[in-house]
Amino acid sequence: MKHELKIHPTYYKDVLLGLKKTEIRLNDRNYQERDLLILNEWDPKTEKYTGYQIIRKVDYVVRNVPGLDPEYVALQISKVL
């Protein structure tokens, strides 16, 4: 499944550079391994999309662990080859 999501510029840059490999997201979309995240850079200052986009694959989903709100998941992501 594909998920279109907003991502702030700082996080976008870190994902693009391969520094950020985890996304913490509200699990309102029932994220699963092998899902694709289409991350659209969103500038909160202008409240507009910048036009930049990257695609990442969900490799692993962490849910229901101590310290993580039960409504959220941690998604391990990687580049799509």
PDB file of N, CA and C in Angstrom:
ATOM      1  N   MET A   1       0.837  -1.168   0.000  1.00  0.00           N
ATOM      2  CA  MET A   1       0.000   0.000   0.000  1.00  0.00           C
ATOM      3  C   MET A   1       0.892   1.244   0.000  1.00  0.00           C
ATOM      4  N   LYS A   2       0.434   2.300  -0.618  1.00  0.00           N
ATOM      5  CA  LYS A   2       1.153   3.573  -0.646  1.00  0.00           C
ATOM      6  C   LYS A   2       0.480   4.555   0.301  1.00  0.00           C
ATOM      7  N   HIS A   3       1.315   5.329   1.010  1.00  0.00           N
ATOM      8  CA  HIS A   3       0.809   6.329   1.941  1.00  0.00           C
ATOM      9  C   HIS A   3       1.450   7.677   1.595  1.00  0.00           C
ATOM     10  N   GLU A   4       0.641   8.669   1.250  1.00  0.00           N
ATOM     11  CA  GLU A   4       1.118  10.030   0.982  1.00  0.00           C
ATOM     12  C   GLU A   4       1.140  10.778   2.306  1.00  0.00           C
ATOM     13  N   LEU A   5       2.324  11.278   2.684  1.00  0.00           N
ATOM     14  CA  LEU A   5       2.494  11.922   3.986  1.00  0.00           C
ATOM     15  C   LEU A   5       3.255  13.236   3.863  1.00  0.00           C
ATOM     16  N   LYS A   6       2.992  14.119   4.788  1.00  0.00           N
ATOM     17  CA  LYS A   6       3.758  15.360   4.897  1.00  0.00           C
ATOM     18  C   LYS A   6       5.006  15.089   5.731  1.00  0.00           C
ATOM     19  N   ILE A   7       6.080  15.831   5.422  1.00  0.00           N
ATOM     20  CA  ILE A   7       7.286  15.761   6.235  1.00  0.00           C
ATOM     21  C   ILE A   7       7.919  17.150   6.264  1.00  0.00           C
ATOM     22  N   HIS A   8       8.341  17.592   7.443  1.00  0.00           N
ATOM     23  CA  HIS A   8       8.944  18.915   7.587  1.00  0.00           C
ATOM     24  C   HIS A   8      10.325  18.948   6.935  1.00  0.00           C
ATOM     25  N   PRO A   9      10.761  20.118   6.486  1.00  0.00           N
ATOM     26  CA  PRO A   9      12.029  20.245   5.753  1.00  0.00           C
ATOM     27  C   PRO A   9      13.245  19.652   6.460  1.00  0.00           C
ATOM     28  N   THR A  10      13.392  19.856   7.760  1.00  0.00           N
ATOM     29  CA  THR A  10      14.552  19.311   8.472  1.00  0.00           C
ATOM     30  C   THR A  10      14.564  17.792   8.402  1.00  0.00           C
ATOM     31  N   TYR A  11      13.416  17.182   8.630  1.00  0.00           N
ATOM     32  CA  TYR A  11      13.321  15.730   8.587  1.00  0.00           C
ATOM     33  C   TYR A  11      13.464  15.215   7.165  1.00  0.00           C
ATOM     34  N   TYR A  12      12.920  15.949   6.208  1.00  0.00           N
ATOM     35  CA  TYR A  12      13.048  15.569   4.798  1.00  0.00           C
ATOM     36  C   TYR A  12      14.523  15.459   4.429  1.00  0.00           C
ATOM     37  N   LYS A  13      15.285  16.470   4.783  1.00  0.00           N
ATOM     38  CA  LYS A  13      16.715  16.488   4.461  1.00  0.00           C
ATOM     39  C   LYS A  13      17.426  15.286   5.091  1.00  0.00           C
ATOM     40  N   ASP A  14      17.112  14.998   6.352  1.00  0.00           N
ATOM     41  CA  ASP A  14      17.762  13.887   7.040  1.00  0.00           C
ATOM     42  C   ASP A  14      17.396  12.531   6.432  1.00  0.00           C
ATOM     43  N   VAL A  15      16.145  12.374   5.996  1.00  0.00           N
ATOM     44  CA  VAL A  15      15.743  11.138   5.326  1.00  0.00           C
ATOM     45  C   VAL A  15      16.471  11.044   3.987  1.00  0.00           C
ATOM     46  N   LEU A  16      16.509  12.139   3.252  1.00  0.00           N
ATOM     47  CA  LEU A  16      17.176  12.165   1.951  1.00  0.00           C
ATOM     48  C   LEU A  16      18.646  11.776   2.059  1.00  0.00           C
ATOM     49  N   LEU A  17      19.316  12.261   3.100  1.00  0.00           N
ATOM     50  CA  LEU A  17      20.735  11.974   3.303  1.00  0.00           C
ATOM     51  C   LEU A  17      20.986  10.591   3.918  1.00  0.00           C
ATOM     52  N   GLY A  18      19.923   9.911   4.313  1.00  0.00           N
ATOM     53  CA  GLY A  18      20.065   8.583   4.906  1.00  0.00           C
ATOM     54  C   GLY A  18      20.389   8.610   6.383  1.00  0.00           C
ATOM     55  N   LEU A  19      20.264   9.777   7.018  1.00  0.00           N
ATOM     56  CA  LEU A  19      20.548   9.903   8.448  1.00  0.00           C
ATOM     57  C   LEU A  19      19.362   9.474   9.302  1.00  0.00           C
ATOM     58  N   LYS A  20      18.166   9.729   8.813  1.00  0.00           N
ATOM     59  CA  LYS A  20      16.932   9.404   9.544  1.00  0.00           C
ATOM     60  C   LYS A  20      16.320   8.166   8.905  1.00  0.00           C
ATOM     61  N   LYS A  21      16.274   7.078   9.670  1.00  0.00           N
ATOM     62  CA  LYS A  21      15.800   5.804   9.137  1.00  0.00           C
ATOM     63  C   LYS A  21      14.563   5.294   9.852  1.00  0.00           C
ATOM     64  N   THR A  22      13.962   6.160  10.665  1.00  0.00           N
ATOM     65  CA  THR A  22      12.766   5.786  11.418  1.00  0.00           C
ATOM     66  C   THR A  22      11.751   6.921  11.351  1.00  0.00           C
ATOM     67  N   GLU A  23      10.510   6.567  11.173  1.00  0.00           N
ATOM     68  CA  GLU A  23       9.403   7.516  11.231  1.00  0.00           C
ATOM     69  C   GLU A  23       8.491   7.100  12.378  1.00  0.00           C
ATOM     70  N   ILE A  24       8.121   8.055  13.206  1.00  0.00           N
ATOM     71  CA  ILE A  24       7.123   7.814  14.251  1.00  0.00           C
ATOM     72  C   ILE A  24       5.833   8.440  13.738  1.00  0.00           C
ATOM     73  N   ARG A  25       4.813   7.626  13.604  1.00  0.00           N
ATOM     74  CA  ARG A  25       3.563   8.111  13.009  1.00  0.00           C
ATOM     75  C   ARG A  25       2.355   7.589  13.765  1.00  0.00           C
ATOM     76  N   LEU A  26       1.302   8.399  13.775  1.00  0.00           N
ATOM     77  CA  LEU A  26       0.008   7.946  14.267  1.00  0.00           C
ATOM     78  C   LEU A  26      -0.411   6.777  13.385  1.00  0.00           C
ATOM     79  N   ASN A  27      -0.816   5.688  13.985  1.00  0.00           N
ATOM     80  CA  ASN A  27      -1.170   4.501  13.192  1.00  0.00           C
ATOM     81  C   ASN A  27      -2.630   4.568  12.748  1.00  0.00           C
ATOM     82  N   ASP A  28      -2.958   5.618  12.031  1.00  0.00           N
ATOM     83  CA  ASP A  28      -4.311   5.801  11.518  1.00  0.00           C
ATOM     84  C   ASP A  28      -4.464   5.189  10.122  1.00  0.00           C
ATOM     85  N   ARG A  29      -3.391   4.546   9.632  1.00  0.00           N
ATOM     86  CA  ARG A  29      -3.404   3.977   8.279  1.00  0.00           C
ATOM     87  C   ARG A  29      -3.071   2.490   8.272  1.00  0.00           C
ATOM     88  N   ASN A  30      -2.948   1.901   9.451  1.00  0.00           N
ATOM     89  CA  ASN A  30      -2.618   0.476   9.567  1.00  0.00           C
ATOM     90  C   ASN A  30      -1.357   0.129   8.774  1.00  0.00           C
ATOM     91  N   TYR A  31      -0.263   0.822   9.073  1.00  0.00           N
ATOM     92  CA  TYR A  31       1.004   0.614   8.376  1.00  0.00           C
ATOM     93  C   TYR A  31       1.455  -0.837   8.490  1.00  0.00           C
ATOM     94  N   GLN A  32       2.013  -1.352   7.401  1.00  0.00           N
ATOM     95  CA  GLN A  32       2.490  -2.727   7.343  1.00  0.00           C
ATOM     96  C   GLN A  32       3.871  -2.758   6.690  1.00  0.00           C
ATOM     97  N   GLU A  33       4.617  -3.806   6.965  1.00  0.00           N
ATOM     98  CA  GLU A  33       5.893  -3.995   6.280  1.00  0.00           C
ATOM     99  C   GLU A  33       5.649  -4.082   4.778  1.00  0.00           C
ATOM    100  N   ARG A  34       6.580  -3.523   4.021  1.00  0.00           N
ATOM    101  CA  ARG A  34       6.551  -3.449   2.560  1.00  0.00           C
ATOM    102  C   ARG A  34       5.663  -2.333   2.027  1.00  0.00           C
ATOM    103  N   ASP A  35       4.978  -1.577   2.904  1.00  0.00           N
ATOM    104  CA  ASP A  35       4.244  -0.400   2.445  1.00  0.00           C
ATOM    105  C   ASP A  35       5.243   0.631   1.921  1.00  0.00           C
ATOM    106  N   LEU A  36       4.770   1.526   1.060  1.00  0.00           N
ATOM    107  CA  LEU A  36       5.596   2.622   0.568  1.00  0.00           C
ATOM    108  C   LEU A  36       5.122   3.926   1.184  1.00  0.00           C
ATOM    109  N   LEU A  37       6.080   4.723   1.635  1.00  0.00           N
ATOM    110  CA  LEU A  37       5.786   6.057   2.159  1.00  0.00           C
ATOM    111  C   LEU A  37       6.210   7.063   1.106  1.00  0.00           C
ATOM    112  N   ILE A  38       5.274   7.865   0.647  1.00  0.00           N
ATOM    113  CA  ILE A  38       5.582   8.944  -0.273  1.00  0.00           C
ATOM    114  C   ILE A  38       5.629  10.202   0.588  1.00  0.00           C
ATOM    115  N   LEU A  39       6.853  10.651   0.861  1.00  0.00           N
ATOM    116  CA  LEU A  39       7.073  11.758   1.792  1.00  0.00           C
ATOM    117  C   LEU A  39       7.184  13.057   1.013  1.00  0.00           C
ATOM    118  N   ASN A  40       6.186  13.917   1.188  1.00  0.00           N
ATOM    119  CA  ASN A  40       6.122  15.205   0.508  1.00  0.00           C
ATOM    120  C   ASN A  40       6.574  16.297   1.463  1.00  0.00           C
ATOM    121  N   GLU A  41       7.618  17.013   1.067  1.00  0.00           N
ATOM    122  CA  GLU A  41       8.141  18.066   1.942  1.00  0.00           C
ATOM    123  C   GLU A  41       7.087  19.166   2.102  1.00  0.00           C
ATOM    124  N   TRP A  42       6.819  19.502   3.367  1.00  0.00           N
ATOM    125  CA  TRP A  42       5.787  20.485   3.735  1.00  0.00           C
ATOM    126  C   TRP A  42       6.451  21.549   4.587  1.00  0.00           C
ATOM    127  N   ASP A  43       6.336  22.791   4.167  1.00  0.00           N
ATOM    128  CA  ASP A  43       6.919  23.899   4.921  1.00  0.00           C
ATOM    129  C   ASP A  43       5.859  24.480   5.852  1.00  0.00           C
ATOM    130  N   PRO A  44       6.005  24.294   7.165  1.00  0.00           N
ATOM    131  CA  PRO A  44       4.981  24.791   8.098  1.00  0.00           C
ATOM    132  C   PRO A  44       4.920  26.315   8.151  1.00  0.00           C
ATOM    133  N   LYS A  45       5.996  26.993   7.760  1.00  0.00           N
ATOM    134  CA  LYS A  45       5.993  28.461   7.773  1.00  0.00           C
ATOM    135  C   LYS A  45       5.078  29.021   6.691  1.00  0.00           C
ATOM    136  N   THR A  46       5.127  28.431   5.513  1.00  0.00           N
ATOM    137  CA  THR A  46       4.292  28.905   4.402  1.00  0.00           C
ATOM    138  C   THR A  46       2.996  28.114   4.288  1.00  0.00           C
ATOM    139  N   GLU A  47       2.937  26.982   5.020  1.00  0.00           N
ATOM    140  CA  GLU A  47       1.803  26.061   4.957  1.00  0.00           C
ATOM    141  C   GLU A  47       1.553  25.593   3.522  1.00  0.00           C
ATOM    142  N   LYS A  48       2.670  25.275   2.824  1.00  0.00           N
ATOM    143  CA  LYS A  48       2.581  24.797   1.449  1.00  0.00           C
ATOM    144  C   LYS A  48       3.602  23.680   1.233  1.00  0.00           C
ATOM    145  N   TYR A  49       3.308  22.855   0.243  1.00  0.00           N
ATOM    146  CA  TYR A  49       4.272  21.851  -0.180  1.00  0.00           C
ATOM    147  C   TYR A  49       5.375  22.539  -0.968  1.00  0.00           C
ATOM    148  N   THR A  50       6.599  22.023  -0.839  1.00  0.00           N
ATOM    149  CA  THR A  50       7.730  22.605  -1.560  1.00  0.00           C
ATOM    150  C   THR A  50       7.870  22.029  -2.961  1.00  0.00           C
ATOM    151  N   GLY A  51       7.243  20.886  -3.208  1.00  0.00           N
ATOM    152  CA  GLY A  51       7.362  20.219  -4.498  1.00  0.00           C
ATOM    153  C   GLY A  51       8.367  19.077  -4.475  1.00  0.00           C
ATOM    154  N   TYR A  52       9.108  18.945  -3.372  1.00  0.00           N
ATOM    155  CA  TYR A  52      10.076  17.850  -3.251  1.00  0.00           C
ATOM    156  C   TYR A  52       9.419  16.633  -2.630  1.00  0.00           C
ATOM    157  N   GLN A  53       9.840  15.462  -3.105  1.00  0.00           N
ATOM    158  CA  GLN A  53       9.217  14.217  -2.666  1.00  0.00           C
ATOM    159  C   GLN A  53      10.266  13.096  -2.680  1.00  0.00           C
ATOM    160  N   ILE A  54      10.179  12.224  -1.694  1.00  0.00           N
ATOM    161  CA  ILE A  54      11.009  11.018  -1.686  1.00  0.00           C
ATOM    162  C   ILE A  54      10.129   9.829  -1.318  1.00  0.00           C
ATOM    163  N   ILE A  55      10.545   8.668  -1.770  1.00  0.00           N
ATOM    164  CA  ILE A  55       9.790   7.447  -1.498  1.00  0.00           C
ATOM    165  C   ILE A  55      10.671   6.515  -0.678  1.00  0.00           C
ATOM    166  N   ARG A  56      10.093   5.978   0.382  1.00  0.00           N
ATOM    167  CA  ARG A  56      10.789   5.020   1.228  1.00  0.00           C
ATOM    168  C   ARG A  56       9.886   3.821   1.472  1.00  0.00           C
ATOM    169  N   LYS A  57      10.520   2.667   1.689  1.00  0.00           N
ATOM    170  CA  LYS A  57       9.810   1.412   1.953  1.00  0.00           C
ATOM    171  C   LYS A  57       9.830   1.140   3.452  1.00  0.00           C
ATOM    172  N   VAL A  58       8.726   0.642   3.984  1.00  0.00           N
ATOM    173  CA  VAL A  58       8.653   0.253   5.386  1.00  0.00           C
ATOM    174  C   VAL A  58       9.236  -1.149   5.506  1.00  0.00           C
ATOM    175  N   ASP A  59      10.323  -1.268   6.274  1.00  0.00           N
ATOM    176  CA  ASP A  59      10.980  -2.563   6.476  1.00  0.00           C
ATOM    177  C   ASP A  59      10.475  -3.274   7.728  1.00  0.00           C
ATOM    178  N   TYR A  60      10.101  -2.489   8.743  1.00  0.00           N
ATOM    179  CA  TYR A  60       9.715  -3.091  10.022  1.00  0.00           C
ATOM    180  C   TYR A  60       8.800  -2.122  10.755  1.00  0.00           C
ATOM    181  N   VAL A  61       7.790  -2.652  11.411  1.00  0.00           N
ATOM    182  CA  VAL A  61       6.841  -1.833  12.173  1.00  0.00           C
ATOM    183  C   VAL A  61       6.932  -2.224  13.643  1.00  0.00           C
ATOM    184  N   VAL A  62       7.180  -1.228  14.499  1.00  0.00           N
ATOM    185  CA  VAL A  62       7.223  -1.453  15.948  1.00  0.00           C
ATOM    186  C   VAL A  62       5.954  -0.843  16.539  1.00  0.00           C
ATOM    187  N   ARG A  63       5.229  -1.659  17.287  1.00  0.00           N
ATOM    188  CA  ARG A  63       4.002  -1.166  17.925  1.00  0.00           C
ATOM    189  C   ARG A  63       3.834  -1.831  19.283  1.00  0.00           C
ATOM    190  N   ASN A  64       3.053  -1.194  20.120  1.00  0.00           N
ATOM    191  CA  ASN A  64       2.728  -1.745  21.439  1.00  0.00           C
ATOM    192  C   ASN A  64       3.959  -2.076  22.275  1.00  0.00           C
ATOM    193  N   VAL A  65       4.865  -1.129  22.386  1.00  0.00           N
ATOM    194  CA  VAL A  65       6.045  -1.309  23.242  1.00  0.00           C
ATOM    195  C   VAL A  65       6.025  -0.234  24.321  1.00  0.00           C
ATOM    196  N   PRO A  66       6.602  -0.509  25.486  1.00  0.00           N
ATOM    197  CA  PRO A  66       6.645   0.487  26.554  1.00  0.00           C
ATOM    198  C   PRO A  66       7.316   1.781  26.067  1.00  0.00           C
ATOM    199  N   GLY A  67       6.708   2.894  26.396  1.00  0.00           N
ATOM    200  CA  GLY A  67       7.251   4.195  26.029  1.00  0.00           C
ATOM    201  C   GLY A  67       6.703   4.756  24.729  1.00  0.00           C
ATOM    202  N   LEU A  68       6.035   3.930  23.947  1.00  0.00           N
ATOM    203  CA  LEU A  68       5.438   4.384  22.688  1.00  0.00           C
ATOM    204  C   LEU A  68       3.927   4.381  22.854  1.00  0.00           C
ATOM    205  N   ASP A  69       3.313   5.542  22.656  1.00  0.00           N
ATOM    206  CA  ASP A  69       1.857   5.651  22.754  1.00  0.00           C
ATOM    207  C   ASP A  69       1.222   4.548  21.905  1.00  0.00           C
ATOM    208  N   PRO A  70       0.235   3.823  22.437  1.00  0.00           N
ATOM    209  CA  PRO A  70      -0.375   2.707  21.704  1.00  0.00           C
ATOM    210  C   PRO A  70      -0.998   3.101  20.363  1.00  0.00           C
ATOM    211  N   GLU A  71      -1.281   4.385  20.181  1.00  0.00           N
ATOM    212  CA  GLU A  71      -1.864   4.834  18.923  1.00  0.00           C
ATOM    213  C   GLU A  71      -0.806   5.130  17.864  1.00  0.00           C
ATOM    214  N   TYR A  72       0.479   5.024  18.235  1.00  0.00           N
ATOM    215  CA  TYR A  72       1.578   5.336  17.316  1.00  0.00           C
ATOM    216  C   TYR A  72       2.395   4.100  16.993  1.00  0.00           C
ATOM    217  N   VAL A  73       3.120   4.201  15.875  1.00  0.00           N
ATOM    218  CA  VAL A  73       4.056   3.147  15.472  1.00  0.00           C
ATOM    219  C   VAL A  73       5.386   3.784  15.109  1.00  0.00           C
ATOM    220  N   ALA A  74       6.438   2.995  15.233  1.00  0.00           N
ATOM    221  CA  ALA A  74       7.752   3.386  14.742  1.00  0.00           C
ATOM    222  C   ALA A  74       8.003   2.566  13.475  1.00  0.00           C
ATOM    223  N   LEU A  75       8.294   3.256  12.389  1.00  0.00           N
ATOM    224  CA  LEU A  75       8.494   2.600  11.108  1.00  0.00           C
ATOM    225  C   LEU A  75       9.967   2.662  10.723  1.00  0.00           C
ATOM    226  N   GLN A  76      10.590   1.515  10.570  1.00  0.00           N
ATOM    227  CA  GLN A  76      11.963   1.472  10.063  1.00  0.00           C
ATOM    228  C   GLN A  76      11.839   1.559   8.540  1.00  0.00           C
ATOM    229  N   ILE A  77      12.540   2.540   7.937  1.00  0.00           N
ATOM    230  CA  ILE A  77      12.390   2.775   6.512  1.00  0.00           C
ATOM    231  C   ILE A  77      13.727   2.669   5.780  1.00  0.00           C
ATOM    232  N   SER A  78      13.646   2.394   4.484  1.00  0.00           N
ATOM    233  CA  SER A  78      14.852   2.326   3.660  1.00  0.00           C
ATOM    234  C   SER A  78      14.534   2.803   2.244  1.00  0.00           C
ATOM    235  N   LYS A  79      15.594   3.033   1.482  1.00  0.00           N
ATOM    236  CA  LYS A  79      15.431   3.441   0.087  1.00  0.00           C
ATOM    237  C   LYS A  79      14.791   2.318  -0.702  1.00  0.00           C
ATOM    238  N   VAL A  80      14.028   2.701  -1.693  1.00  0.00           N
ATOM    239  CA  VAL A  80      13.426   1.739  -2.609  1.00  0.00           C
ATOM    240  C   VAL A  80      14.441   1.479  -3.709  1.00  0.00           C
ATOM    241  N   LEU A  81      14.791   0.235  -3.899  1.00  0.00           N
ATOM    242  CA  LEU A  81      15.813  -0.092  -4.901  1.00  0.00           C
ATOM    243  C   LEU A  81      15.219  -0.307  -6.271  1.00  0.00           C
TER     244      LEU A  81
END
